[in-house]
Amino acid sequence: MPTLALVLCLTAAFVPASRAQKTSGRKVLSDVKPFYPPTLKNMHIEGLVRLTAIVLPNGSVVAVEVKGGNPILVENAVKAVKAWRYAPGPNQTEEEVVLNFGAK
C-alpha cells in the first residue's frame, strides 16, 4: 500500500504531505479573486471557504485541499487558488487559505 501512495504522489508531481513544510507563511505574489456568481450573491449565499494549498518551491500551486466551507462556493474557491503564485522558497509548503464570499 505505501508503494501505491508513493506512485500517486509522484504522478501528481509533489511529495507526500508529511514531507511538505507546514504553513510557512510564504508571500502571495499573485492572487486571483474567486468568481462569486451574481445569483448566489443576490440570494445572500455567503461564507468562508478554508483550503490548504500545496505550493512547489517555484511558487506555483500544485494542489488544493478543501478543509471546509459551503460546498456551493468551494469549486470557485479552488479554481482561484490553483491560479495563485507564491514567492519562491527552498521547499514545498502547505499554505492555509481562507476565502470569504460575501464580505464587503
N, C-alpha and C. Protein backbone atom coordinates (compact mmCIF):
# COMPACT_ATOMS: atom_id res chain seq x y z
N MET A 1 0.81 -1.20 0.00
CA MET A 1 0.00 0.00 0.00
C MET A 1 0.85 1.27 0.00
N PRO A 2 1.97 1.33 0.77
CA PRO A 2 2.81 2.54 0.73
C PRO A 2 3.35 2.81 -0.67
N THR A 3 3.61 1.74 -1.44
CA THR A 3 4.11 1.93 -2.80
C THR A 3 3.08 2.63 -3.66
N LEU A 4 1.81 2.28 -3.51
CA LEU A 4 0.74 2.93 -4.27
C LEU A 4 0.67 4.41 -3.93
N ALA A 5 0.79 4.75 -2.66
CA ALA A 5 0.77 6.16 -2.25
C ALA A 5 1.93 6.91 -2.87
N LEU A 6 3.11 6.31 -2.89
CA LEU A 6 4.28 6.95 -3.48
C LEU A 6 4.08 7.17 -4.97
N VAL A 7 3.55 6.17 -5.66
CA VAL A 7 3.30 6.30 -7.11
C VAL A 7 2.31 7.42 -7.37
N LEU A 8 1.24 7.48 -6.58
CA LEU A 8 0.25 8.54 -6.77
C LEU A 8 0.86 9.91 -6.53
N CYS A 9 1.72 10.03 -5.53
CA CYS A 9 2.36 11.32 -5.24
C CYS A 9 3.31 11.72 -6.35
N LEU A 10 4.05 10.76 -6.87
CA LEU A 10 4.99 11.07 -7.94
C LEU A 10 4.26 11.47 -9.22
N THR A 11 3.16 10.81 -9.52
CA THR A 11 2.42 11.17 -10.72
C THR A 11 1.71 12.51 -10.56
N ALA A 12 1.43 12.90 -9.34
CA ALA A 12 0.81 14.20 -9.10
C ALA A 12 1.85 15.30 -8.97
N ALA A 13 3.13 14.95 -9.04
CA ALA A 13 4.26 15.89 -9.04
C ALA A 13 4.49 16.59 -7.71
N PHE A 14 4.16 15.94 -6.61
CA PHE A 14 4.51 16.52 -5.32
C PHE A 14 4.80 15.41 -4.33
N VAL A 15 5.53 15.75 -3.31
CA VAL A 15 5.88 14.78 -2.28
C VAL A 15 4.73 14.66 -1.30
N PRO A 16 4.71 13.57 -0.54
CA PRO A 16 3.64 13.41 0.45
C PRO A 16 3.59 14.58 1.42
N ALA A 17 2.41 14.85 1.94
CA ALA A 17 2.23 15.98 2.84
C ALA A 17 3.14 15.88 4.06
N SER A 18 3.46 14.66 4.46
CA SER A 18 4.33 14.50 5.63
C SER A 18 5.73 15.06 5.37
N ARG A 19 6.10 15.21 4.11
CA ARG A 19 7.40 15.77 3.77
C ARG A 19 7.32 17.26 3.47
N ALA A 20 6.15 17.76 3.29
CA ALA A 20 6.00 19.19 2.99
C ALA A 20 6.08 19.99 4.29
N GLN A 21 6.66 21.16 4.18
CA GLN A 21 6.72 22.06 5.34
C GLN A 21 5.32 22.62 5.57
N LYS A 22 4.88 22.63 6.78
CA LYS A 22 3.54 23.13 7.11
C LYS A 22 3.53 24.65 7.21
N THR A 23 2.54 25.25 6.60
CA THR A 23 2.26 26.68 6.66
C THR A 23 3.46 27.55 6.99
N SER A 24 4.18 27.88 5.94
CA SER A 24 5.39 28.69 6.12
C SER A 24 5.08 30.18 6.11
N GLY A 25 3.91 30.55 5.65
CA GLY A 25 3.59 31.97 5.54
C GLY A 25 4.24 32.62 4.33
N ARG A 26 4.43 31.85 3.27
CA ARG A 26 5.03 32.41 2.06
C ARG A 26 4.16 33.54 1.52
N LYS A 27 4.81 34.53 0.98
CA LYS A 27 4.11 35.70 0.46
C LYS A 27 3.39 35.34 -0.85
N VAL A 28 2.15 35.78 -0.97
CA VAL A 28 1.39 35.60 -2.20
C VAL A 28 1.80 36.72 -3.16
N LEU A 29 2.32 36.33 -4.32
CA LEU A 29 2.74 37.32 -5.32
C LEU A 29 1.61 37.70 -6.25
N SER A 30 0.75 36.74 -6.53
CA SER A 30 -0.36 36.98 -7.46
C SER A 30 -1.54 36.14 -7.02
N ASP A 31 -2.63 36.81 -6.66
CA ASP A 31 -3.83 36.06 -6.29
C ASP A 31 -4.96 36.39 -7.24
N VAL A 32 -5.74 35.38 -7.52
CA VAL A 32 -6.91 35.51 -8.39
C VAL A 32 -8.12 35.48 -7.48
N LYS A 33 -8.98 36.47 -7.61
CA LYS A 33 -10.20 36.51 -6.81
C LYS A 33 -11.18 35.46 -7.34
N PRO A 34 -11.81 34.72 -6.45
CA PRO A 34 -12.77 33.70 -6.91
C PRO A 34 -14.01 34.34 -7.52
N PHE A 35 -14.57 33.67 -8.50
CA PHE A 35 -15.81 34.11 -9.11
C PHE A 35 -16.94 33.88 -8.11
N TYR A 36 -17.71 34.92 -7.87
CA TYR A 36 -18.85 34.85 -6.95
C TYR A 36 -20.09 35.09 -7.80
N PRO A 37 -20.78 34.03 -8.22
CA PRO A 37 -21.92 34.17 -9.12
C PRO A 37 -22.97 35.15 -8.58
N PRO A 38 -23.44 36.06 -9.44
CA PRO A 38 -24.44 37.04 -9.02
C PRO A 38 -25.68 36.40 -8.40
N THR A 39 -26.07 35.24 -8.90
CA THR A 39 -27.25 34.56 -8.35
C THR A 39 -27.04 34.23 -6.88
N LEU A 40 -25.85 33.70 -6.56
CA LEU A 40 -25.55 33.36 -5.16
C LEU A 40 -25.46 34.63 -4.31
N LYS A 41 -24.86 35.65 -4.88
CA LYS A 41 -24.73 36.92 -4.16
C LYS A 41 -26.11 37.51 -3.86
N ASN A 42 -27.00 37.50 -4.84
CA ASN A 42 -28.35 38.04 -4.66
C ASN A 42 -29.17 37.24 -3.65
N MET A 43 -28.86 35.94 -3.56
CA MET A 43 -29.57 35.07 -2.61
C MET A 43 -28.89 35.08 -1.23
N HIS A 44 -27.84 35.91 -1.09
CA HIS A 44 -27.09 36.03 0.16
C HIS A 44 -26.51 34.70 0.62
N ILE A 45 -26.08 33.88 -0.37
CA ILE A 45 -25.36 32.64 -0.05
C ILE A 45 -23.89 33.04 0.06
N GLU A 46 -23.41 33.05 1.29
CA GLU A 46 -22.06 33.54 1.54
C GLU A 46 -21.40 32.72 2.63
N GLY A 47 -20.15 33.02 2.89
CA GLY A 47 -19.42 32.33 3.95
C GLY A 47 -17.96 32.14 3.62
N LEU A 48 -17.28 31.48 4.54
CA LEU A 48 -15.85 31.22 4.41
C LEU A 48 -15.62 29.87 3.75
N VAL A 49 -14.54 29.80 2.97
CA VAL A 49 -14.07 28.52 2.43
C VAL A 49 -12.62 28.39 2.90
N ARG A 50 -12.34 27.29 3.60
CA ARG A 50 -10.99 27.04 4.12
C ARG A 50 -10.29 26.00 3.24
N LEU A 51 -9.07 26.34 2.82
CA LEU A 51 -8.32 25.48 1.92
C LEU A 51 -6.88 25.35 2.39
N THR A 52 -6.21 24.31 1.93
CA THR A 52 -4.77 24.18 2.08
C THR A 52 -4.20 24.07 0.67
N ALA A 53 -3.30 24.99 0.33
CA ALA A 53 -2.65 24.99 -0.98
C ALA A 53 -1.29 24.33 -0.84
N ILE A 54 -0.99 23.37 -1.70
CA ILE A 54 0.33 22.75 -1.75
C ILE A 54 1.13 23.56 -2.77
N VAL A 55 2.19 24.21 -2.29
CA VAL A 55 2.98 25.13 -3.11
C VAL A 55 4.37 24.56 -3.36
N LEU A 56 4.74 24.47 -4.63
CA LEU A 56 6.06 23.97 -5.01
C LEU A 56 7.13 25.01 -4.70
N PRO A 57 8.40 24.62 -4.67
CA PRO A 57 9.47 25.58 -4.42
C PRO A 57 9.48 26.78 -5.37
N ASN A 58 9.01 26.57 -6.62
CA ASN A 58 8.98 27.69 -7.59
C ASN A 58 7.81 28.65 -7.36
N GLY A 59 6.94 28.35 -6.40
CA GLY A 59 5.83 29.24 -6.07
C GLY A 59 4.50 28.89 -6.70
N SER A 60 4.47 27.88 -7.56
CA SER A 60 3.19 27.52 -8.18
C SER A 60 2.41 26.57 -7.27
N VAL A 61 1.09 26.67 -7.34
CA VAL A 61 0.20 25.81 -6.55
C VAL A 61 -0.05 24.55 -7.35
N VAL A 62 0.31 23.42 -6.76
CA VAL A 62 0.18 22.15 -7.45
C VAL A 62 -1.11 21.42 -7.07
N ALA A 63 -1.63 21.70 -5.88
CA ALA A 63 -2.86 21.04 -5.44
C ALA A 63 -3.52 21.90 -4.37
N VAL A 64 -4.83 21.72 -4.25
CA VAL A 64 -5.60 22.43 -3.23
C VAL A 64 -6.51 21.42 -2.54
N GLU A 65 -6.45 21.42 -1.21
CA GLU A 65 -7.27 20.53 -0.41
C GLU A 65 -8.32 21.35 0.32
N VAL A 66 -9.57 20.92 0.24
CA VAL A 66 -10.67 21.62 0.90
C VAL A 66 -10.72 21.19 2.35
N LYS A 67 -10.71 22.17 3.25
CA LYS A 67 -10.79 21.91 4.70
C LYS A 67 -12.19 22.18 5.24
N GLY A 68 -12.95 23.04 4.54
CA GLY A 68 -14.30 23.33 5.00
C GLY A 68 -14.91 24.50 4.26
N GLY A 69 -16.21 24.62 4.39
CA GLY A 69 -16.92 25.72 3.75
C GLY A 69 -18.16 25.25 3.03
N ASN A 70 -18.93 26.22 2.59
CA ASN A 70 -20.16 25.92 1.87
C ASN A 70 -19.82 25.23 0.54
N PRO A 71 -20.31 24.01 0.33
CA PRO A 71 -19.98 23.25 -0.88
C PRO A 71 -20.31 23.99 -2.18
N ILE A 72 -21.30 24.85 -2.17
CA ILE A 72 -21.68 25.57 -3.39
C ILE A 72 -20.63 26.63 -3.76
N LEU A 73 -19.80 27.03 -2.79
CA LEU A 73 -18.76 28.04 -3.02
C LEU A 73 -17.37 27.43 -3.24
N VAL A 74 -17.20 26.18 -2.85
CA VAL A 74 -15.89 25.53 -2.85
C VAL A 74 -15.25 25.47 -4.24
N GLU A 75 -16.00 25.08 -5.25
CA GLU A 75 -15.44 24.90 -6.59
C GLU A 75 -14.75 26.17 -7.11
N ASN A 76 -15.43 27.30 -6.98
CA ASN A 76 -14.83 28.56 -7.45
C ASN A 76 -13.63 28.97 -6.60
N ALA A 77 -13.66 28.66 -5.32
CA ALA A 77 -12.52 28.96 -4.45
C ALA A 77 -11.30 28.15 -4.86
N VAL A 78 -11.48 26.87 -5.11
CA VAL A 78 -10.38 26.00 -5.51
C VAL A 78 -9.80 26.45 -6.85
N LYS A 79 -10.65 26.75 -7.81
CA LYS A 79 -10.18 27.22 -9.13
C LYS A 79 -9.32 28.47 -8.98
N ALA A 80 -9.73 29.39 -8.14
CA ALA A 80 -8.99 30.64 -7.96
C ALA A 80 -7.63 30.38 -7.33
N VAL A 81 -7.58 29.60 -6.26
CA VAL A 81 -6.33 29.38 -5.54
C VAL A 81 -5.34 28.59 -6.39
N LYS A 82 -5.81 27.71 -7.25
CA LYS A 82 -4.90 26.98 -8.14
C LYS A 82 -4.15 27.92 -9.08
N ALA A 83 -4.68 29.10 -9.31
CA ALA A 83 -4.03 30.08 -10.20
C ALA A 83 -3.11 31.04 -9.44
N TRP A 84 -3.07 30.95 -8.12
CA TRP A 84 -2.22 31.83 -7.33
C TRP A 84 -0.75 31.51 -7.56
N ARG A 85 0.10 32.52 -7.32
CA ARG A 85 1.56 32.34 -7.35
C ARG A 85 2.12 32.87 -6.02
N TYR A 86 2.99 32.07 -5.44
CA TYR A 86 3.66 32.43 -4.19
C TYR A 86 5.12 32.77 -4.46
N ALA A 87 5.76 33.41 -3.50
CA ALA A 87 7.19 33.68 -3.59
C ALA A 87 7.94 32.35 -3.60
N PRO A 88 8.99 32.25 -4.41
CA PRO A 88 9.78 31.02 -4.41
C PRO A 88 10.35 30.74 -3.02
N GLY A 89 10.55 29.47 -2.73
CA GLY A 89 11.11 29.07 -1.44
C GLY A 89 11.97 27.84 -1.60
N PRO A 90 12.68 27.45 -0.56
CA PRO A 90 13.58 26.31 -0.66
C PRO A 90 12.87 24.96 -0.69
N ASN A 91 11.64 24.91 -0.17
CA ASN A 91 10.91 23.64 -0.06
C ASN A 91 9.47 23.79 -0.52
N GLN A 92 8.86 22.66 -0.76
CA GLN A 92 7.41 22.63 -0.97
C GLN A 92 6.75 22.92 0.36
N THR A 93 5.67 23.69 0.36
CA THR A 93 4.99 24.04 1.60
C THR A 93 3.49 23.85 1.47
N GLU A 94 2.84 23.83 2.61
CA GLU A 94 1.38 23.83 2.68
C GLU A 94 0.97 25.17 3.24
N GLU A 95 0.15 25.90 2.50
CA GLU A 95 -0.28 27.22 2.92
C GLU A 95 -1.78 27.21 3.19
N GLU A 96 -2.15 27.69 4.36
CA GLU A 96 -3.57 27.79 4.72
C GLU A 96 -4.18 29.01 4.05
N VAL A 97 -5.35 28.82 3.44
CA VAL A 97 -6.03 29.91 2.74
C VAL A 97 -7.48 29.95 3.21
N VAL A 98 -7.97 31.13 3.53
CA VAL A 98 -9.38 31.32 3.88
C VAL A 98 -9.93 32.39 2.96
N LEU A 99 -10.96 32.04 2.19
CA LEU A 99 -11.62 32.99 1.30
C LEU A 99 -12.99 33.29 1.85
N ASN A 100 -13.36 34.56 1.85
CA ASN A 100 -14.63 35.00 2.40
C ASN A 100 -15.52 35.48 1.26
N PHE A 101 -16.56 34.72 0.99
CA PHE A 101 -17.54 35.10 -0.02
C PHE A 101 -18.62 35.93 0.66
N GLY A 102 -18.87 37.11 0.14
CA GLY A 102 -19.94 37.94 0.66
C GLY A 102 -19.48 39.06 1.55
N ALA A 103 -18.21 39.06 1.93
CA ALA A 103 -17.71 40.15 2.78
C ALA A 103 -17.50 41.38 1.93
N LYS A 104 -17.82 42.51 2.48
CA LYS A 104 -17.64 43.77 1.75
C LYS A 104 -16.24 44.27 1.95
